[in-house]
PDB file of N, CA and C in Angstrom:
ATOM      1  N   MET A   1      14.228 -99.905  24.616  1.00  0.00           N
ATOM      2  CA  MET A   1      12.943 -99.476  24.031  1.00  0.00           C
ATOM      3  C   MET A   1      11.965-100.235  24.469  1.00  0.00           C
ATOM      4  N   ILE A   2      10.444 -99.300  23.931  1.00  0.00           N
ATOM      5  CA  ILE A   2       9.442 -99.871  24.296  1.00  0.00           C
ATOM      6  C   ILE A   2       8.914-100.365  23.270  1.00  0.00           C
ATOM      7  N   PRO A   3       8.235-102.402  23.435  1.00  0.00           N
ATOM      8  CA  PRO A   3       8.206-102.530  22.778  1.00  0.00           C
ATOM      9  C   PRO A   3       6.517-102.358  21.805  1.00  0.00           C
ATOM     10  N   ALA A   4       6.842-102.528  20.792  1.00  0.00           N
ATOM     11  CA  ALA A   4       5.469-102.254  20.156  1.00  0.00           C
ATOM     12  C   ALA A   4       4.404-102.876  20.412  1.00  0.00           C
ATOM     13  N   MET A   5       3.940-102.978  21.316  1.00  0.00           N
ATOM     14  CA  MET A   5       2.221-103.898  21.784  1.00  0.00           C
ATOM     15  C   MET A   5       1.627-103.152  22.014  1.00  0.00           C
ATOM     16  N   PRO A   6       0.403-103.460  21.325  1.00  0.00           N
ATOM     17  CA  PRO A   6      -1.003-102.829  21.735  1.00  0.00           C
ATOM     18  C   PRO A   6      -1.624-103.440  23.099  1.00  0.00           C
ATOM     19  N   GLY A   7      -2.069-102.579  23.397  1.00  0.00           N
ATOM     20  CA  GLY A   7      -3.395-102.833  24.469  1.00  0.00           C
ATOM     21  C   GLY A   7      -2.634-102.435  26.087  1.00  0.00           C
ATOM     22  N   GLN A   8      -2.777-103.718  27.259  1.00  0.00           N
ATOM     23  CA  GLN A   8      -2.249-103.904  28.357  1.00  0.00           C
ATOM     24  C   GLN A   8      -1.088-103.259  28.508  1.00  0.00           C
ATOM     25  N   TRP A   9      -0.325-103.064  29.410  1.00  0.00           N
ATOM     26  CA  TRP A   9       0.813-102.664  30.264  1.00  0.00           C
ATOM     27  C   TRP A   9       0.770-104.056  31.254  1.00  0.00           C
ATOM     28  N   ASP A  10       1.480-105.118  30.646  1.00  0.00           N
ATOM     29  CA  ASP A  10       1.519-105.945  31.846  1.00  0.00           C
ATOM     30  C   ASP A  10       2.895-106.101  32.380  1.00  0.00           C
ATOM     31  N   ARG A  11       2.918-106.606  33.049  1.00  0.00           N
ATOM     32  CA  ARG A  11       4.754-106.563  34.036  1.00  0.00           C
ATOM     33  C   ARG A  11       5.547-106.908  32.870  1.00  0.00           C
ATOM     34  N   GLU A  12       5.372-107.864  31.810  1.00  0.00           N
ATOM     35  CA  GLU A  12       6.361-108.112  31.130  1.00  0.00           C
ATOM     36  C   GLU A  12       6.651-107.023  30.281  1.00  0.00           C
ATOM     37  N   ARG A  13       5.976-106.483  29.786  1.00  0.00           N
ATOM     38  CA  ARG A  13       6.108-105.603  29.019  1.00  0.00           C
ATOM     39  C   ARG A  13       6.904-103.948  29.488  1.00  0.00           C
ATOM     40  N   LEU A  14       6.679-103.965  30.919  1.00  0.00           N
ATOM     41  CA  LEU A  14       7.044-102.910  31.603  1.00  0.00           C
ATOM     42  C   LEU A  14       8.743-103.289  31.867  1.00  0.00           C
ATOM     43  N   ASN A  15       8.391-104.436  32.391  1.00  0.00           N
ATOM     44  CA  ASN A  15       9.900-104.798  32.687  1.00  0.00           C
ATOM     45  C   ASN A  15      10.838-104.529  31.723  1.00  0.00           C
ATOM     46  N   ALA A  16      10.256-104.748  30.431  1.00  0.00           N
ATOM     47  CA  ALA A  16      10.873-104.755  29.215  1.00  0.00           C
ATOM     48  C   ALA A  16      11.551-103.062  28.909  1.00  0.00           C
ATOM     49  N   VAL A  17      10.447-102.299  29.111  1.00  0.00           N
ATOM     50  CA  VAL A  17      10.996-101.076  29.203  1.00  0.00           C
ATOM     51  C   VAL A  17      12.012-100.621  30.316  1.00  0.00           C
ATOM     52  N   VAL A  18      11.672-100.983  31.437  1.00  0.00           N
ATOM     53  CA  VAL A  18      13.093-100.829  32.780  1.00  0.00           C
ATOM     54  C   VAL A  18      13.390-102.143  32.961  1.00  0.00           C
ATOM     55  N   GLY A  19      14.482-102.236  32.168  1.00  0.00           N
ATOM     56  CA  GLY A  19      15.295-103.396  31.550  1.00  0.00           C
ATOM     57  C   GLY A  19      16.590-103.117  32.482  1.00  0.00           C
ATOM     58  N   TRP A  20      17.920-104.273  31.977  1.00  0.00           N
ATOM     59  CA  TRP A  20      18.501-104.133  33.018  1.00  0.00           C
ATOM     60  C   TRP A  20      19.685-103.054  32.711  1.00  0.00           C
ATOM     61  N   ASP A  21      19.313-102.555  31.775  1.00  0.00           N
ATOM     62  CA  ASP A  21      20.683-101.156  30.978  1.00  0.00           C
ATOM     63  C   ASP A  21      19.990 -99.780  31.771  1.00  0.00           C
ATOM     64  N   VAL A  22      18.581 -99.991  32.551  1.00  0.00           N
ATOM     65  CA  VAL A  22      18.321 -98.549  32.991  1.00  0.00           C
ATOM     66  C   VAL A  22      19.347 -97.918  34.167  1.00  0.00           C
ATOM     67  N   PRO A  23      19.849 -98.534  34.799  1.00  0.00           N
ATOM     68  CA  PRO A  23      20.862 -97.743  35.706  1.00  0.00           C
ATOM     69  C   PRO A  23      21.882 -96.540  34.677  1.00  0.00           C
ATOM     70  N   TYR A  24      22.164 -97.529  33.648  1.00  0.00           N
ATOM     71  CA  TYR A  24      22.995 -97.185  32.345  1.00  0.00           C
ATOM     72  C   TYR A  24      22.455 -95.540  31.647  1.00  0.00           C
ATOM     73  N   LEU A  25      21.495 -95.709  31.716  1.00  0.00           N
ATOM     74  CA  LEU A  25      20.915 -94.888  30.835  1.00  0.00           C
ATOM     75  C   LEU A  25      20.561 -93.225  31.925  1.00  0.00           C
ATOM     76  N   PRO A  26      20.675 -92.349  30.683  1.00  0.00           N
ATOM     77  CA  PRO A  26      20.271 -90.734  31.189  1.00  0.00           C
ATOM     78  C   PRO A  26      19.000 -90.666  31.665  1.00  0.00           C
ATOM     79  N   LEU A  27      18.719 -90.468  32.720  1.00  0.00           N
ATOM     80  CA  LEU A  27      17.185 -90.319  33.607  1.00  0.00           C
ATOM     81  C   LEU A  27      16.239 -89.544  33.005  1.00  0.00           C
ATOM     82  N   GLU A  28      16.800 -88.460  32.229  1.00  0.00           N
ATOM     83  CA  GLU A  28      15.955 -87.984  30.983  1.00  0.00           C
ATOM     84  C   GLU A  28      15.314 -88.604  30.329  1.00  0.00           C
ATOM     85  N   ALA A  29      16.111 -89.702  29.695  1.00  0.00           N
ATOM     86  CA  ALA A  29      15.796 -90.986  28.864  1.00  0.00           C
ATOM     87  C   ALA A  29      14.713 -91.983  29.421  1.00  0.00           C
ATOM     88  N   ILE A  30      14.680 -92.223  30.705  1.00  0.00           N
ATOM     89  CA  ILE A  30      13.973 -93.209  31.230  1.00  0.00           C
ATOM     90  C   ILE A  30      12.592 -92.529  31.201  1.00  0.00           C
ATOM     91  N   MET A  31      12.626 -91.475  32.016  1.00  0.00           N
ATOM     92  CA  MET A  31      11.424 -90.783  32.016  1.00  0.00           C
ATOM     93  C   MET A  31      10.377 -90.536  31.055  1.00  0.00           C
ATOM     94  N   GLN A  32      11.012 -90.356  29.796  1.00  0.00           N
ATOM     95  CA  GLN A  32      10.637 -90.106  28.219  1.00  0.00           C
ATOM     96  C   GLN A  32       9.813 -91.487  28.183  1.00  0.00           C
ATOM     97  N   LEU A  33      10.966 -92.740  28.517  1.00  0.00           N
ATOM     98  CA  LEU A  33       9.997 -94.012  27.999  1.00  0.00           C
ATOM     99  C   LEU A  33       9.215 -94.314  28.980  1.00  0.00           C
ATOM    100  N   LEU A  34       9.105 -93.995  30.292  1.00  0.00           N
ATOM    101  CA  LEU A  34       8.060 -94.176  31.069  1.00  0.00           C
ATOM    102  C   LEU A  34       6.778 -93.230  31.107  1.00  0.00           C
ATOM    103  N   ALA A  35       6.958 -92.447  30.653  1.00  0.00           N
ATOM    104  CA  ALA A  35       5.794 -91.215  30.262  1.00  0.00           C
ATOM    105  C   ALA A  35       4.792 -92.045  29.892  1.00  0.00           C
ATOM    106  N   SER A  36       4.705 -93.100  28.844  1.00  0.00           N
ATOM    107  CA  SER A  36       3.588 -93.608  27.902  1.00  0.00           C
ATOM    108  C   SER A  36       2.827 -94.485  28.775  1.00  0.00           C
ATOM    109  N   VAL A  37       3.882 -95.163  29.901  1.00  0.00           N
ATOM    110  CA  VAL A  37       2.926 -96.052  30.772  1.00  0.00           C
ATOM    111  C   VAL A  37       1.793 -95.476  31.697  1.00  0.00           C
ATOM    112  N   PRO A  38       0.838 -96.377  31.657  1.00  0.00           N
ATOM    113  CA  PRO A  38      -0.202 -95.973  32.569  1.00  0.00           C
ATOM    114  C   PRO A  38       0.636 -95.959  34.024  1.00  0.00           C
ATOM    115  N   SER A  39      -0.288 -94.893  34.768  1.00  0.00           N
ATOM    116  CA  SER A  39       0.504 -95.011  36.233  1.00  0.00           C
ATOM    117  C   SER A  39      -0.123 -96.142  37.045  1.00  0.00           C
ATOM    118  N   GLY A  40      -0.959 -96.913  36.954  1.00  0.00           N
ATOM    119  CA  GLY A  40      -1.166 -97.707  37.513  1.00  0.00           C
ATOM    120  C   GLY A  40      -0.290 -98.896  37.007  1.00  0.00           C
ATOM    121  N   ALA A  41       0.172 -99.071  36.115  1.00  0.00           N
ATOM    122  CA  ALA A  41       1.242 -99.922  35.894  1.00  0.00           C
ATOM    123  C   ALA A  41       2.509 -99.768  36.507  1.00  0.00           C
ATOM    124  N   LEU A  42       2.726 -98.524  36.917  1.00  0.00           N
ATOM    125  CA  LEU A  42       3.977 -98.173  37.789  1.00  0.00           C
ATOM    126  C   LEU A  42       3.736 -98.346  38.869  1.00  0.00           C
ATOM    127  N   VAL A  43       2.603 -98.127  40.042  1.00  0.00           N
ATOM    128  CA  VAL A  43       2.271 -98.042  40.826  1.00  0.00           C
ATOM    129  C   VAL A  43       1.760 -99.680  41.333  1.00  0.00           C
ATOM    130  N   ASP A  44       1.791-100.473  40.571  1.00  0.00           N
ATOM    131  CA  ASP A  44       1.670-101.931  40.920  1.00  0.00           C
ATOM    132  C   ASP A  44       3.145-102.635  40.869  1.00  0.00           C
ATOM    133  N   LEU A  45       4.224-101.907  39.767  1.00  0.00           N
ATOM    134  CA  LEU A  45       5.640-102.345  39.978  1.00  0.00           C
ATOM    135  C   LEU A  45       6.100-101.857  41.400  1.00  0.00           C
ATOM    136  N   VAL A  46       6.081-100.515  41.350  1.00  0.00           N
ATOM    137  CA  VAL A  46       6.313 -99.688  42.550  1.00  0.00           C
ATOM    138  C   VAL A  46       6.107-100.743  44.103  1.00  0.00           C
ATOM    139  N   LEU A  47       4.827-100.888  44.167  1.00  0.00           N
ATOM    140  CA  LEU A  47       4.216-101.626  45.162  1.00  0.00           C
ATOM    141  C   LEU A  47       4.688-103.324  45.206  1.00  0.00           C
ATOM    142  N   ASP A  48       5.302-103.692  44.685  1.00  0.00           N
ATOM    143  CA  ASP A  48       5.832-105.207  44.572  1.00  0.00           C
ATOM    144  C   ASP A  48       7.238-105.011  45.525  1.00  0.00           C
ATOM    145  N   GLY A  49       7.370-105.647  46.547  1.00  0.00           N
ATOM    146  CA  GLY A  49       8.188-105.669  47.318  1.00  0.00           C
ATOM    147  C   GLY A  49       9.378-106.875  46.624  1.00  0.00           C
ATOM    148  N   GLY A  50       8.695-107.789  45.636  1.00  0.00           N
ATOM    149  CA  GLY A  50       9.530-108.936  44.744  1.00  0.00           C
ATOM    150  C   GLY A  50      10.480-108.472  44.184  1.00  0.00           C
ATOM    151  N   GLU A  51      10.204-106.934  43.516  1.00  0.00           N
ATOM    152  CA  GLU A  51      10.762-106.759  42.280  1.00  0.00           C
ATOM    153  C   GLU A  51      12.216-105.776  42.529  1.00  0.00           C
ATOM    154  N   ILE A  52      12.611-105.925  41.364  1.00  0.00           N
ATOM    155  CA  ILE A  52      14.322-105.028  41.826  1.00  0.00           C
ATOM    156  C   ILE A  52      14.153-103.969  42.035  1.00  0.00           C
ATOM    157  N   ARG A  53      15.249-103.316  42.806  1.00  0.00           N
ATOM    158  CA  ARG A  53      15.086-102.268  43.937  1.00  0.00           C
ATOM    159  C   ARG A  53      15.228-100.794  42.519  1.00  0.00           C
ATOM    160  N   TYR A  54      16.050-101.419  41.666  1.00  0.00           N
ATOM    161  CA  TYR A  54      15.815 -99.983  40.889  1.00  0.00           C
ATOM    162  C   TYR A  54      14.968 -99.851  39.528  1.00  0.00           C
ATOM    163  N   ARG A  55      14.142-100.956  39.751  1.00  0.00           N
ATOM    164  CA  ARG A  55      13.081-100.694  38.781  1.00  0.00           C
ATOM    165  C   ARG A  55      12.270 -99.945  39.732  1.00  0.00           C
ATOM    166  N   ARG A  56      11.799-100.038  40.909  1.00  0.00           N
ATOM    167  CA  ARG A  56      10.891 -99.760  41.899  1.00  0.00           C
ATOM    168  C   ARG A  56      11.292 -98.156  41.638  1.00  0.00           C
ATOM    169  N   ALA A  57      12.451 -97.991  42.418  1.00  0.00           N
ATOM    170  CA  ALA A  57      12.740 -96.543  42.021  1.00  0.00           C
ATOM    171  C   ALA A  57      12.648 -95.560  41.240  1.00  0.00           C
ATOM    172  N   VAL A  58      12.866 -96.169  39.916  1.00  0.00           N
ATOM    173  CA  VAL A  58      12.608 -95.249  38.622  1.00  0.00           C
ATOM    174  C   VAL A  58      10.944 -95.322  38.146  1.00  0.00           C
ATOM    175  N   CYS A  59      10.554 -96.521  38.641  1.00  0.00           N
ATOM    176  CA  CYS A  59       9.052 -96.035  38.530  1.00  0.00           C
ATOM    177  C   CYS A  59       8.714 -95.195  39.212  1.00  0.00           C
ATOM    178  N   ALA A  60       8.680 -95.270  40.404  1.00  0.00           N
ATOM    179  CA  ALA A  60       8.199 -94.288  41.426  1.00  0.00           C
ATOM    180  C   ALA A  60       8.649 -93.014  41.191  1.00  0.00           C
ATOM    181  N   ARG A  61       9.741 -92.646  40.485  1.00  0.00           N
ATOM    182  CA  ARG A  61      10.337 -91.390  39.713  1.00  0.00           C
ATOM    183  C   ARG A  61       9.482 -90.731  38.848  1.00  0.00           C
ATOM    184  N   ALA A  62       9.018 -91.682  38.223  1.00  0.00           N
ATOM    185  CA  ALA A  62       8.382 -91.746  36.836  1.00  0.00           C
ATOM    186  C   ALA A  62       6.581 -91.183  37.690  1.00  0.00           C
ATOM    187  N   LEU A  63       6.310 -91.744  39.020  1.00  0.00           N
ATOM    188  CA  LEU A  63       4.865 -91.130  39.018  1.00  0.00           C
ATOM    189  C   LEU A  63       4.815 -89.872  39.256  1.00  0.00           C
ATOM    190  N   VAL A  64       5.793 -88.973  39.573  1.00  0.00           N
ATOM    191  CA  VAL A  64       5.797 -87.295  40.294  1.00  0.00           C
ATOM    192  C   VAL A  64       4.997 -86.494  38.941  1.00  0.00           C
ATOM    193  N   GLY A  65       3.838 -86.298  39.979  1.00  0.00           N
ATOM    194  CA  GLY A  65       2.491 -85.393  39.421  1.00  0.00           C
ATOM    195  C   GLY A  65       1.709 -86.543  38.748  1.00  0.00           C
ATOM    196  N   ARG A  66       1.953 -87.994  39.044  1.00  0.00           N
ATOM    197  CA  ARG A  66       0.737 -88.707  38.337  1.00  0.00           C
ATOM    198  C   ARG A  66       0.144 -89.594  39.059  1.00  0.00           C
ATOM    199  N   VAL A  67       0.355 -89.717  40.212  1.00  0.00           N
ATOM    200  CA  VAL A  67      -0.078 -90.976  41.550  1.00  0.00           C
ATOM    201  C   VAL A  67      -1.748 -90.989  41.464  1.00  0.00           C
ATOM    202  N   PRO A  68      -2.106 -91.820  41.115  1.00  0.00           N
ATOM    203  CA  PRO A  68      -3.729 -92.118  41.214  1.00  0.00           C
ATOM    204  C   PRO A  68      -3.891 -91.610  42.486  1.00  0.00           C
ATOM    205  N   ASP A  69      -5.161 -91.099  42.903  1.00  0.00           N
ATOM    206  CA  ASP A  69      -5.824 -91.117  44.130  1.00  0.00           C
ATOM    207  C   ASP A  69      -6.092 -92.043  45.173  1.00  0.00           C
ATOM    208  N   GLU A  70      -6.474 -93.147  44.453  1.00  0.00           N
ATOM    209  CA  GLU A  70      -6.652 -94.508  44.796  1.00  0.00           C
ATOM    210  C   GLU A  70      -5.797 -95.315  45.149  1.00  0.00           C
ATOM    211  N   HIS A  71      -4.676 -94.618  45.087  1.00  0.00           N
ATOM    212  CA  HIS A  71      -3.108 -95.398  45.393  1.00  0.00           C
ATOM    213  C   HIS A  71      -2.337 -94.803  46.024  1.00  0.00           C
ATOM    214  N   ALA A  72      -2.834 -93.397  46.495  1.00  0.00           N
ATOM    215  CA  ALA A  72      -1.731 -92.589  47.323  1.00  0.00           C
ATOM    216  C   ALA A  72      -1.622 -93.374  48.406  1.00  0.00           C
ATOM    217  N   THR A  73      -2.735 -93.433  49.397  1.00  0.00           N
ATOM    218  CA  THR A  73      -2.433 -93.930  50.649  1.00  0.00           C
ATOM    219  C   THR A  73      -1.319 -95.377  50.719  1.00  0.00           C
ATOM    220  N   ALA A  74      -1.700 -96.171  49.819  1.00  0.00           N
ATOM    221  CA  ALA A  74      -0.345 -96.964  49.868  1.00  0.00           C
ATOM    222  C   ALA A  74       0.738 -97.005  49.526  1.00  0.00           C
ATOM    223  N   LEU A  75       1.018 -96.226  48.714  1.00  0.00           N
ATOM    224  CA  LEU A  75       2.464 -95.686  48.445  1.00  0.00           C
ATOM    225  C   LEU A  75       2.552 -94.939  49.136  1.00  0.00           C
ATOM    226  N   ALA A  76       2.129 -94.136  50.061  1.00  0.00           N
ATOM    227  CA  ALA A  76       2.509 -93.432  51.250  1.00  0.00           C
ATOM    228  C   ALA A  76       3.174 -94.160  52.435  1.00  0.00           C
ATOM    229  N   ASP A  77       2.091 -95.317  52.443  1.00  0.00           N
ATOM    230  CA  ASP A  77       2.435 -96.443  53.392  1.00  0.00           C
ATOM    231  C   ASP A  77       3.920 -96.829  52.908  1.00  0.00           C
ATOM    232  N   CYS A  78       4.009 -97.501  51.723  1.00  0.00           N
ATOM    233  CA  CYS A  78       5.219 -97.888  51.325  1.00  0.00           C
ATOM    234  C   CYS A  78       6.480 -97.196  51.684  1.00  0.00           C
ATOM    235  N   GLY A  79       6.312 -95.660  51.124  1.00  0.00           N
ATOM    236  CA  GLY A  79       7.046 -94.744  51.568  1.00  0.00           C
ATOM    237  C   GLY A  79       7.379 -94.558  52.983  1.00  0.00           C
ATOM    238  N   CYS A  80       6.903 -94.936  53.511  1.00  0.00           N
ATOM    239  CA  CYS A  80       7.105 -94.883  55.502  1.00  0.00           C
ATOM    240  C   CYS A  80       7.697 -96.075  55.697  1.00  0.00           C
ATOM    241  N   ASP A  81       7.230 -97.480  54.952  1.00  0.00           N
ATOM    242  CA  ASP A  81       7.860 -98.796  55.536  1.00  0.00           C
ATOM    243  C   ASP A  81       9.468 -98.905  55.817  1.00  0.00           C
ATOM    244  N   GLU A  82       9.632 -98.649  57.029  1.00  0.00           N
ATOM    245  CA  GLU A  82      11.604 -99.091  57.115  1.00  0.00           C
ATOM    246  C   GLU A  82      12.056-100.041  56.253  1.00  0.00           C
ATOM    247  N   THR A  83      11.064-101.254  56.285  1.00  0.00           N
ATOM    248  CA  THR A  83      11.632-102.767  55.463  1.00  0.00           C
ATOM    249  C   THR A  83      12.125-102.127  54.268  1.00  0.00           C
ATOM    250  N   VAL A  84      11.378-100.734  53.690  1.00  0.00           N
ATOM    251  CA  VAL A  84      11.588-101.173  51.806  1.00  0.00           C
ATOM    252  C   VAL A  84      12.967-100.063  52.078  1.00  0.00           C
ATOM    253  N   PRO A  85      13.669-100.429  51.057  1.00  0.00           N
ATOM    254  CA  PRO A  85      14.896 -99.688  51.039  1.00  0.00           C
ATOM    255  C   PRO A  85      15.214 -98.295  50.949  1.00  0.00           C
ATOM    256  N   LEU A  86      15.947 -97.591  51.538  1.00  0.00           N
ATOM    257  CA  LEU A  86      15.736 -96.091  51.243  1.00  0.00           C
ATOM    258  C   LEU A  86      16.275 -95.669  50.025  1.00  0.00           C
ATOM    259  N   ASP A  87      16.418 -96.090  48.736  1.00  0.00           N
ATOM    260  CA  ASP A  87      16.453 -95.778  47.465  1.00  0.00           C
ATOM    261  C   ASP A  87      15.792 -95.804  47.328  1.00  0.00           C
ATOM    262  N   VAL A  88      14.021 -96.517  47.247  1.00  0.00           N
ATOM    263  CA  VAL A  88      12.885 -96.894  46.933  1.00  0.00           C
ATOM    264  C   VAL A  88      11.864 -95.924  47.743  1.00  0.00           C
ATOM    265  N   ARG A  89      12.024 -95.984  49.041  1.00  0.00           N
ATOM    266  CA  ARG A  89      11.110 -94.955  49.592  1.00  0.00           C
ATOM    267  C   ARG A  89      11.236 -93.417  49.092  1.00  0.00           C
ATOM    268  N   ASN A  90      12.384 -92.763  49.215  1.00  0.00           N
ATOM    269  CA  ASN A  90      12.492 -91.255  48.671  1.00  0.00           C
ATOM    270  C   ASN A  90      11.663 -90.947  47.341  1.00  0.00           C
ATOM    271  N   PRO A  91      12.207 -91.503  46.620  1.00  0.00           N
ATOM    272  CA  PRO A  91      11.366 -91.212  45.220  1.00  0.00           C
ATOM    273  C   PRO A  91       9.970 -91.599  45.126  1.00  0.00           C
ATOM    274  N   ILE A  92       9.097 -92.203  46.192  1.00  0.00           N
ATOM    275  CA  ILE A  92       8.056 -92.963  46.427  1.00  0.00           C
ATOM    276  C   ILE A  92       7.646 -91.384  47.186  1.00  0.00           C
ATOM    277  N   LEU A  93       8.029 -91.055  48.331  1.00  0.00           N
ATOM    278  CA  LEU A  93       7.351 -90.049  48.844  1.00  0.00           C
ATOM    279  C   LEU A  93       7.581 -88.998  47.747  1.00  0.00           C
ATOM    280  N   ARG A  94       8.379 -88.630  47.552  1.00  0.00           N
ATOM    281  CA  ARG A  94       8.575 -87.338  46.421  1.00  0.00           C
ATOM    282  C   ARG A  94       7.296 -87.180  45.563  1.00  0.00           C
ATOM    283  N   SER A  95       7.290 -88.549  44.950  1.00  0.00           N
ATOM    284  CA  SER A  95       6.057 -88.534  43.996  1.00  0.00           C
ATOM    285  C   SER A  95       4.711 -88.505  45.102  1.00  0.00           C
ATOM    286  N   VAL A  96       4.395 -89.173  46.082  1.00  0.00           N
ATOM    287  CA  VAL A  96       3.047 -88.899  46.936  1.00  0.00           C
ATOM    288  C   VAL A  96       2.879 -87.271  46.835  1.00  0.00           C
ATOM    289  N   LEU A  97       4.143 -86.575  47.550  1.00  0.00           N
ATOM    290  CA  LEU A  97       4.070 -85.552  47.614  1.00  0.00           C
ATOM    291  C   LEU A  97       4.026 -84.240  46.780  1.00  0.00           C
ATOM    292  N   SER A  98       4.200 -85.085  45.545  1.00  0.00           N
ATOM    293  CA  SER A  98       4.422 -84.225  44.046  1.00  0.00           C
ATOM    294  C   SER A  98       3.210 -83.462  43.856  1.00  0.00           C
ATOM    295  N   MET A  99       1.689 -83.830  44.456  1.00  0.00           N
ATOM    296  CA  MET A  99       0.553 -83.270  44.094  1.00  0.00           C
ATOM    297  C   MET A  99      -0.080 -82.847  45.203  1.00  0.00           C
ATOM    298  N   PRO A 100       0.437 -81.659  45.884  1.00  0.00           N
ATOM    299  CA  PRO A 100      -0.144 -81.051  47.023  1.00  0.00           C
ATOM    300  C   PRO A 100      -1.368 -80.645  46.602  1.00  0.00           C
ATOM    301  N   ASP A 101      -1.881 -79.794  45.272  1.00  0.00           N
ATOM    302  CA  ASP A 101      -2.898 -79.329  45.073  1.00  0.00           C
ATOM    303  C   ASP A 101      -4.196 -80.531  45.004  1.00  0.00           C
ATOM    304  N   GLN A 102      -4.077 -81.798  45.225  1.00  0.00           N
ATOM    305  CA  GLN A 102      -5.372 -82.703  45.468  1.00  0.00           C
ATOM    306  C   GLN A 102      -5.821 -83.185  46.953  1.00  0.00           C
ATOM    307  N   PRO A 103      -7.541 -83.187  46.270  1.00  0.00           N
ATOM    308  CA  PRO A 103      -7.824 -82.684  47.853  1.00  0.00           C
ATOM    309  C   PRO A 103      -7.441 -83.796  48.853  1.00  0.00           C
ATOM    310  N   ARG A 104      -6.879 -84.686  49.005  1.00  0.00           N
ATOM    311  CA  ARG A 104      -6.237 -86.060  49.997  1.00  0.00           C
ATOM    312  C   ARG A 104      -5.060 -85.721  50.596  1.00  0.00           C
ATOM    313  N   SER A 105      -4.361 -84.470  49.730  1.00  0.00           N
ATOM    314  CA  SER A 105      -3.184 -84.066  50.251  1.00  0.00           C
ATOM    315  C   SER A 105      -2.673 -83.447  51.557  1.00  0.00           C
ATOM    316  N   ASP A 106      -3.942 -82.661  52.380  1.00  0.00           N
ATOM    317  CA  ASP A 106      -3.780 -82.322  54.050  1.00  0.00           C
ATOM    318  C   ASP A 106      -3.624 -83.331  54.705  1.00  0.00           C
ATOM    319  N   ASP A 107      -4.686 -84.309  54.547  1.00  0.00           N
ATOM    320  CA  ASP A 107      -4.709 -85.629  55.340  1.00  0.00           C
ATOM    321  C   ASP A 107      -3.652 -86.599  54.953  1.00  0.00           C
ATOM    322  N   LEU A 108      -3.264 -86.688  53.931  1.00  0.00           N
ATOM    323  CA  LEU A 108      -2.174 -87.356  53.719  1.00  0.00           C
ATOM    324  C   LEU A 108      -0.771 -86.835  54.322  1.00  0.00           C
ATOM    325  N   LEU A 109      -0.637 -85.311  54.222  1.00  0.00           N
ATOM    326  CA  LEU A 109       0.406 -84.599  55.081  1.00  0.00           C
ATOM    327  C   LEU A 109       0.604 -84.983  55.933  1.00  0.00           C
ATOM    328  N   ALA A 110      -0.866 -84.519  57.047  1.00  0.00           N
ATOM    329  CA  ALA A 110      -0.684 -84.888  58.355  1.00  0.00           C
ATOM    330  C   ALA A 110      -0.312 -86.343  58.346  1.00  0.00           C
ATOM    331  N   SER A 111      -0.970 -87.393  58.136  1.00  0.00           N
ATOM    332  CA  SER A 111      -0.438 -88.577  58.520  1.00  0.00           C
ATOM    333  C   SER A 111       1.030 -88.930  58.261  1.00  0.00           C
ATOM    334  N   LEU A 112       1.395 -88.452  56.890  1.00  0.00           N
ATOM    335  CA  LEU A 112       2.930 -88.620  56.857  1.00  0.00           C
ATOM    336  C   LEU A 112       3.847 -87.674  57.685  1.00  0.00           C
ATOM    337  N   SER A 113       3.572 -86.561  58.320  1.00  0.00           N
ATOM    338  CA  SER A 113       4.011 -85.889  59.327  1.00  0.00           C
ATOM    339  C   SER A 113       4.582 -86.649  60.273  1.00  0.00           C
ATOM    340  N   VAL A 114       3.368 -87.488  60.791  1.00  0.00           N
ATOM    341  CA  VAL A 114       3.029 -88.320  62.426  1.00  0.00           C
ATOM    342  C   VAL A 114       4.071 -89.401  61.776  1.00  0.00           C
ATOM    343  N   ARG A 115       3.840 -89.897  60.913  1.00  0.00           N
ATOM    344  CA  ARG A 115       4.432 -91.323  60.842  1.00  0.00           C
ATOM    345  C   ARG A 115       6.079 -90.967  60.701  1.00  0.00           C
ATOM    346  N   LEU A 116       6.760 -89.847  60.005  1.00  0.00           N
ATOM    347  CA  LEU A 116       8.048 -89.508  59.780  1.00  0.00           C
ATOM    348  C   LEU A 116       8.496 -88.899  60.914  1.00  0.00           C
ATOM    349  N   ARG A 117       7.839 -88.283  62.007  1.00  0.00           N
ATOM    350  CA  ARG A 117       8.075 -87.898  63.097  1.00  0.00           C
ATOM    351  C   ARG A 117       8.141 -88.895  63.975  1.00  0.00           C
ATOM    352  N   GLY A 118       7.274 -89.862  64.066  1.00  0.00           N
ATOM    353  CA  GLY A 118       7.483 -90.893  64.636  1.00  0.00           C
ATOM    354  C   GLY A 118       8.851 -91.789  64.769  1.00  0.00           C
ATOM    355  N   ASP A 119       9.427 -92.136  63.514  1.00  0.00           N
ATOM    356  CA  ASP A 119      10.417 -92.829  62.739  1.00  0.00           C
ATOM    357  C   ASP A 119      11.487 -91.849  63.365  1.00  0.00           C
ATOM    358  N   MET A 120      11.712 -90.762  63.272  1.00  0.00           N
ATOM    359  CA  MET A 120      13.010 -89.848  63.711  1.00  0.00           C
ATOM    360  C   MET A 120      12.762 -90.113  65.268  1.00  0.00           C
ATOM    361  N   GLY A 121      11.925 -90.314  65.710  1.00  0.00           N
ATOM    362  CA  GLY A 121      11.711 -90.478  67.772  1.00  0.00           C
ATOM    363  C   GLY A 121      11.662 -88.870  68.374  1.00  0.00           C
ATOM    364  N   THR A 122      10.934 -87.898  67.537  1.00  0.00           N
ATOM    365  CA  THR A 122      10.183 -86.782  67.973  1.00  0.00           C
ATOM    366  C   THR A 122       8.696 -86.816  68.222  1.00  0.00           C
ATOM    367  N   ASN A 123       8.564 -85.868  68.853  1.00  0.00           N
ATOM    368  CA  ASN A 123       6.889 -86.021  68.885  1.00  0.00           C
ATOM    369  C   ASN A 123       6.576 -84.186  68.702  1.00  0.00           C
TER     370      ASN A 123
END
């Protein structure tokens, strides 16, 4: 349950929302909880490599349709980083690619395409 606290979404408050019980909750319930979290707070958690994997993954899923332009490149880089666990990378890339009507999308898609082809060993 979201703690009733006004103001900023700090990491402690976000961790309370995405707590230990998240893997046991239905995805719809988790997404409803995270719908009120500002996208910047979600991005900060997703990009934190020291954060727990399931927290990063579920926050990345919550970014679908909400990726801030200023964070799209950092998220795309993280989504293509092979040191990031696949269960975190996939929802990150889904989120980044969920906004094809954004002005940045053509450049971002081209960049992702090149990176992913390189990762698969094809040109």
